[in-house]
Amino acid sequence: MPTYEYVCSVCATKVDYFQSMSDAPRRKCPECGKYKLVRQIGGGAGVLFRGAGFYQTDYRSDSYKKAESAEKPSTSDSTGDKKPGADGGGPCATNTPSDNAPKKR
């Protein structure tokens, strides 16, 4: 349901009402009590596109998806050894005293 902005033509009070599109426009000002509310034309709210299906790349063919997954780099090099940091450990992982401290309950 949209939010409509109204302005009183007598006292210039601005009021927002959350109402259905099929509801009749409000007329009575909550501030002065006169029947002079006028609904304003607003720019509306922005549209948010979330999830899959909104971009051209979301509709790729199965052959494209297979080729893309084949091109992705693996986490091991050609010798079979894991690359540093591939398992979450490695030179970037450090144990700080706070990691080893007992947890308080």
N, C-alpha and C. Protein backbone atom coordinates (compact mmCIF):
# COMPACT_ATOMS: atom_id res chain seq x y z
N MET A 1 0.85 -1.17 0.00
CA MET A 1 0.00 0.00 0.00
C MET A 1 0.90 1.24 0.00
N PRO A 2 0.55 2.21 -0.80
CA PRO A 2 1.38 3.41 -0.89
C PRO A 2 1.12 4.40 0.24
N THR A 3 2.08 5.29 0.39
CA THR A 3 1.96 6.40 1.35
C THR A 3 1.70 7.66 0.55
N TYR A 4 0.65 8.36 0.91
CA TYR A 4 0.28 9.58 0.21
C TYR A 4 0.57 10.78 1.08
N GLU A 5 1.06 11.83 0.47
CA GLU A 5 1.35 13.08 1.18
C GLU A 5 0.22 14.07 0.91
N TYR A 6 -0.28 14.66 1.97
CA TYR A 6 -1.33 15.67 1.88
C TYR A 6 -0.82 16.98 2.47
N VAL A 7 -1.35 18.10 1.95
CA VAL A 7 -1.04 19.42 2.48
C VAL A 7 -2.35 20.16 2.66
N CYS A 8 -2.50 20.80 3.81
CA CYS A 8 -3.70 21.60 4.08
C CYS A 8 -3.53 22.96 3.41
N SER A 9 -4.50 23.37 2.65
CA SER A 9 -4.42 24.66 1.96
C SER A 9 -4.73 25.84 2.89
N VAL A 10 -5.20 25.57 4.11
CA VAL A 10 -5.48 26.63 5.08
C VAL A 10 -4.28 26.87 6.01
N CYS A 11 -3.82 25.81 6.67
CA CYS A 11 -2.76 25.97 7.67
C CYS A 11 -1.39 25.44 7.20
N ALA A 12 -1.31 24.91 6.01
CA ALA A 12 -0.06 24.41 5.39
C ALA A 12 0.55 23.23 6.15
N THR A 13 -0.27 22.48 6.90
CA THR A 13 0.21 21.29 7.58
C THR A 13 0.44 20.18 6.56
N LYS A 14 1.58 19.50 6.68
CA LYS A 14 1.89 18.36 5.82
C LYS A 14 1.65 17.08 6.60
N VAL A 15 0.91 16.15 5.99
CA VAL A 15 0.55 14.89 6.63
C VAL A 15 0.75 13.76 5.64
N ASP A 16 1.27 12.61 6.10
CA ASP A 16 1.40 11.41 5.28
C ASP A 16 0.40 10.38 5.77
N TYR A 17 -0.30 9.74 4.83
CA TYR A 17 -1.23 8.67 5.17
C TYR A 17 -0.87 7.43 4.37
N PHE A 18 -0.87 6.30 5.05
CA PHE A 18 -0.63 5.00 4.45
C PHE A 18 -2.00 4.41 4.15
N GLN A 19 -2.37 4.41 2.87
CA GLN A 19 -3.71 3.96 2.51
C GLN A 19 -3.71 3.24 1.18
N SER A 20 -4.75 2.48 0.94
CA SER A 20 -4.89 1.72 -0.29
C SER A 20 -5.13 2.65 -1.47
N MET A 21 -4.78 2.17 -2.67
CA MET A 21 -4.98 2.99 -3.86
C MET A 21 -6.46 3.20 -4.15
N SER A 22 -7.30 2.27 -3.69
CA SER A 22 -8.73 2.39 -3.94
C SER A 22 -9.45 3.25 -2.90
N ASP A 23 -8.77 3.64 -1.82
CA ASP A 23 -9.39 4.49 -0.80
C ASP A 23 -9.63 5.89 -1.35
N ALA A 24 -10.69 6.52 -0.87
CA ALA A 24 -11.00 7.90 -1.25
C ALA A 24 -9.97 8.84 -0.62
N PRO A 25 -9.60 9.92 -1.30
CA PRO A 25 -8.64 10.87 -0.72
C PRO A 25 -9.18 11.48 0.57
N ARG A 26 -8.29 11.75 1.51
CA ARG A 26 -8.67 12.38 2.77
C ARG A 26 -8.92 13.86 2.52
N ARG A 27 -9.82 14.43 3.29
CA ARG A 27 -10.16 15.84 3.11
C ARG A 27 -9.99 16.66 4.38
N LYS A 28 -10.18 16.04 5.56
CA LYS A 28 -10.16 16.79 6.81
C LYS A 28 -8.74 16.89 7.36
N CYS A 29 -8.31 18.13 7.64
CA CYS A 29 -6.98 18.39 8.20
C CYS A 29 -6.97 17.98 9.67
N PRO A 30 -5.98 17.19 10.10
CA PRO A 30 -5.93 16.80 11.51
C PRO A 30 -5.51 17.94 12.43
N GLU A 31 -4.92 19.00 11.89
CA GLU A 31 -4.43 20.12 12.69
C GLU A 31 -5.52 21.17 12.92
N CYS A 32 -6.12 21.68 11.84
CA CYS A 32 -7.09 22.77 11.98
C CYS A 32 -8.54 22.30 11.87
N GLY A 33 -8.77 21.07 11.41
CA GLY A 33 -10.12 20.53 11.32
C GLY A 33 -10.90 20.95 10.08
N LYS A 34 -10.34 21.76 9.23
CA LYS A 34 -11.00 22.20 8.00
C LYS A 34 -10.91 21.09 6.95
N TYR A 35 -11.84 21.09 6.02
CA TYR A 35 -11.86 20.11 4.93
C TYR A 35 -11.11 20.67 3.73
N LYS A 36 -9.82 20.93 3.90
CA LYS A 36 -9.01 21.55 2.86
C LYS A 36 -7.72 20.78 2.56
N LEU A 37 -7.68 19.48 2.88
CA LEU A 37 -6.49 18.69 2.55
C LEU A 37 -6.45 18.43 1.05
N VAL A 38 -5.26 18.54 0.48
CA VAL A 38 -5.07 18.30 -0.94
C VAL A 38 -3.95 17.25 -1.07
N ARG A 39 -4.25 16.17 -1.81
CA ARG A 39 -3.24 15.13 -2.00
C ARG A 39 -2.20 15.61 -3.00
N GLN A 40 -0.92 15.45 -2.64
CA GLN A 40 0.17 15.89 -3.49
C GLN A 40 0.58 14.77 -4.44
N ILE A 41 1.10 15.15 -5.58
CA ILE A 41 1.63 14.18 -6.53
C ILE A 41 3.10 14.02 -6.21
N GLY A 42 3.49 12.81 -5.85
CA GLY A 42 4.87 12.55 -5.46
C GLY A 42 5.62 11.78 -6.53
N GLY A 43 6.91 11.71 -6.33
CA GLY A 43 7.76 10.97 -7.25
C GLY A 43 7.68 9.48 -7.04
N GLY A 44 7.08 9.05 -5.95
CA GLY A 44 6.98 7.63 -5.67
C GLY A 44 8.26 7.10 -5.08
N ALA A 45 8.23 5.85 -4.76
CA ALA A 45 9.39 5.20 -4.16
C ALA A 45 10.20 4.50 -5.24
N GLY A 46 11.46 4.31 -4.96
CA GLY A 46 12.32 3.59 -5.89
C GLY A 46 11.96 2.11 -5.91
N VAL A 47 12.27 1.45 -6.98
CA VAL A 47 12.01 0.03 -7.12
C VAL A 47 13.30 -0.72 -6.81
N LEU A 48 13.21 -1.72 -5.96
CA LEU A 48 14.37 -2.54 -5.61
C LEU A 48 14.24 -3.89 -6.28
N PHE A 49 15.25 -4.27 -7.03
CA PHE A 49 15.29 -5.57 -7.67
C PHE A 49 16.22 -6.45 -6.86
N ARG A 50 15.66 -7.48 -6.22
CA ARG A 50 16.47 -8.38 -5.41
C ARG A 50 16.26 -9.80 -5.91
N GLY A 51 17.29 -10.58 -5.82
CA GLY A 51 17.21 -11.98 -6.22
C GLY A 51 17.61 -12.19 -7.66
N ALA A 52 17.48 -13.42 -8.09
CA ALA A 52 17.89 -13.78 -9.45
C ALA A 52 16.77 -13.44 -10.44
N GLY A 53 17.16 -13.26 -11.69
CA GLY A 53 16.18 -13.07 -12.75
C GLY A 53 16.01 -11.65 -13.22
N PHE A 54 16.84 -10.72 -12.74
CA PHE A 54 16.66 -9.33 -13.13
C PHE A 54 17.71 -8.83 -14.10
N TYR A 55 18.71 -9.64 -14.36
CA TYR A 55 19.77 -9.21 -15.25
C TYR A 55 19.88 -10.17 -16.42
N GLN A 56 20.42 -9.71 -17.51
CA GLN A 56 20.56 -10.53 -18.71
C GLN A 56 21.42 -11.77 -18.42
N THR A 57 22.41 -11.62 -17.58
CA THR A 57 23.30 -12.74 -17.29
C THR A 57 22.63 -13.82 -16.45
N ASP A 58 21.48 -13.54 -15.86
CA ASP A 58 20.77 -14.55 -15.09
C ASP A 58 20.06 -15.57 -15.97
N TYR A 59 19.94 -15.29 -17.25
CA TYR A 59 19.22 -16.16 -18.16
C TYR A 59 20.16 -16.85 -19.15
N ARG A 60 21.37 -17.14 -18.74
CA ARG A 60 22.33 -17.79 -19.62
C ARG A 60 21.92 -19.25 -19.87
N SER A 61 22.37 -19.76 -21.01
CA SER A 61 22.06 -21.15 -21.36
C SER A 61 22.88 -22.10 -20.50
N ASP A 62 22.47 -23.38 -20.50
CA ASP A 62 23.19 -24.38 -19.71
C ASP A 62 24.61 -24.57 -20.21
N SER A 63 24.82 -24.50 -21.53
CA SER A 63 26.17 -24.67 -22.07
C SER A 63 27.08 -23.54 -21.61
N TYR A 64 26.56 -22.34 -21.52
CA TYR A 64 27.36 -21.21 -21.03
C TYR A 64 27.74 -21.41 -19.57
N LYS A 65 26.79 -21.89 -18.77
CA LYS A 65 27.06 -22.10 -17.35
C LYS A 65 28.10 -23.19 -17.15
N LYS A 66 28.06 -24.26 -17.96
CA LYS A 66 29.05 -25.33 -17.85
C LYS A 66 30.44 -24.82 -18.22
N ALA A 67 30.53 -24.04 -19.28
CA ALA A 67 31.83 -23.50 -19.70
C ALA A 67 32.36 -22.53 -18.66
N GLU A 68 31.51 -21.77 -18.04
CA GLU A 68 31.94 -20.82 -17.01
C GLU A 68 32.48 -21.55 -15.79
N SER A 69 31.81 -22.62 -15.38
CA SER A 69 32.28 -23.36 -14.20
C SER A 69 33.58 -24.09 -14.50
N ALA A 70 33.82 -24.49 -15.75
CA ALA A 70 35.07 -25.16 -16.11
C ALA A 70 36.24 -24.18 -16.09
N GLU A 71 35.99 -22.90 -16.33
CA GLU A 71 37.04 -21.89 -16.36
C GLU A 71 37.41 -21.36 -14.98
N LYS A 72 36.63 -21.62 -13.97
CA LYS A 72 36.90 -21.10 -12.64
C LYS A 72 38.19 -21.71 -12.10
N PRO A 73 39.06 -20.91 -11.46
CA PRO A 73 40.31 -21.45 -10.91
C PRO A 73 40.02 -22.34 -9.70
N SER A 74 40.84 -23.36 -9.55
CA SER A 74 40.68 -24.26 -8.41
C SER A 74 41.50 -23.72 -7.24
N THR A 75 41.32 -24.35 -6.06
CA THR A 75 42.04 -23.90 -4.88
C THR A 75 43.37 -24.60 -4.72
N SER A 76 43.75 -25.49 -5.65
CA SER A 76 45.06 -26.13 -5.58
C SER A 76 45.81 -25.86 -6.87
N ASP A 77 47.14 -25.87 -6.78
CA ASP A 77 47.92 -25.65 -7.99
C ASP A 77 48.15 -26.97 -8.70
N SER A 78 48.95 -26.99 -9.75
CA SER A 78 49.12 -28.18 -10.58
C SER A 78 49.84 -29.31 -9.86
N THR A 79 50.58 -29.05 -8.79
CA THR A 79 51.28 -30.10 -8.05
C THR A 79 50.39 -30.79 -7.03
N GLY A 80 49.20 -30.30 -6.84
CA GLY A 80 48.28 -30.90 -5.89
C GLY A 80 48.40 -30.29 -4.51
N ASP A 81 49.40 -29.42 -4.31
CA ASP A 81 49.54 -28.76 -3.02
C ASP A 81 48.53 -27.63 -2.92
N LYS A 82 48.02 -27.46 -1.73
CA LYS A 82 47.07 -26.37 -1.53
C LYS A 82 47.80 -25.05 -1.54
N LYS A 83 47.16 -24.05 -2.09
CA LYS A 83 47.72 -22.70 -2.07
C LYS A 83 47.58 -22.13 -0.67
N PRO A 84 48.50 -21.28 -0.24
CA PRO A 84 48.37 -20.67 1.09
C PRO A 84 47.08 -19.89 1.21
N GLY A 85 46.39 -20.12 2.31
CA GLY A 85 45.16 -19.38 2.56
C GLY A 85 43.93 -20.02 1.96
N ALA A 86 44.07 -21.12 1.19
CA ALA A 86 42.91 -21.74 0.55
C ALA A 86 42.00 -22.42 1.55
N ASP A 87 42.57 -22.88 2.69
CA ASP A 87 41.77 -23.57 3.68
C ASP A 87 41.35 -22.66 4.84
N GLY A 88 41.62 -21.38 4.73
CA GLY A 88 41.26 -20.45 5.78
C GLY A 88 42.41 -20.21 6.74
N GLY A 89 43.45 -21.05 6.70
CA GLY A 89 44.60 -20.87 7.56
C GLY A 89 45.67 -20.14 6.77
N GLY A 90 46.91 -20.39 7.09
CA GLY A 90 47.99 -19.80 6.30
C GLY A 90 48.54 -18.56 6.95
N PRO A 91 49.30 -17.79 6.19
CA PRO A 91 50.01 -16.65 6.78
C PRO A 91 49.10 -15.55 7.30
N CYS A 92 47.88 -15.48 6.83
CA CYS A 92 46.99 -14.40 7.28
C CYS A 92 46.27 -14.75 8.57
N ALA A 93 46.17 -16.05 8.87
CA ALA A 93 45.46 -16.45 10.07
C ALA A 93 46.41 -16.36 11.26
N THR A 94 46.01 -15.68 12.29
CA THR A 94 46.83 -15.55 13.48
C THR A 94 46.01 -15.90 14.69
N ASN A 95 46.70 -16.41 15.69
CA ASN A 95 46.04 -16.69 16.96
C ASN A 95 46.38 -15.56 17.91
N THR A 96 45.42 -14.82 18.29
CA THR A 96 45.64 -13.74 19.23
C THR A 96 45.28 -14.22 20.62
N PRO A 97 45.80 -13.59 21.64
CA PRO A 97 45.48 -14.03 23.00
C PRO A 97 43.97 -14.06 23.26
N SER A 98 43.23 -13.17 22.64
CA SER A 98 41.79 -13.15 22.87
C SER A 98 41.12 -14.38 22.28
N ASP A 99 41.74 -15.00 21.21
CA ASP A 99 41.17 -16.20 20.63
C ASP A 99 41.32 -17.40 21.57
N ASN A 100 42.40 -17.40 22.35
CA ASN A 100 42.67 -18.53 23.23
C ASN A 100 42.13 -18.34 24.63
N ALA A 101 41.64 -17.17 24.94
CA ALA A 101 41.14 -16.89 26.29
C ALA A 101 39.87 -17.67 26.55
N PRO A 102 39.66 -18.14 27.79
CA PRO A 102 38.43 -18.86 28.10
C PRO A 102 37.23 -17.91 28.02
N LYS A 103 36.15 -18.45 27.60
CA LYS A 103 34.93 -17.65 27.45
C LYS A 103 34.21 -17.56 28.79
N LYS A 104 33.75 -16.37 29.11
CA LYS A 104 33.00 -16.14 30.36
C LYS A 104 31.55 -16.49 30.12
N ARG A 105 30.93 -17.02 31.14
CA ARG A 105 29.51 -17.38 31.01
C ARG A 105 28.64 -16.54 31.86
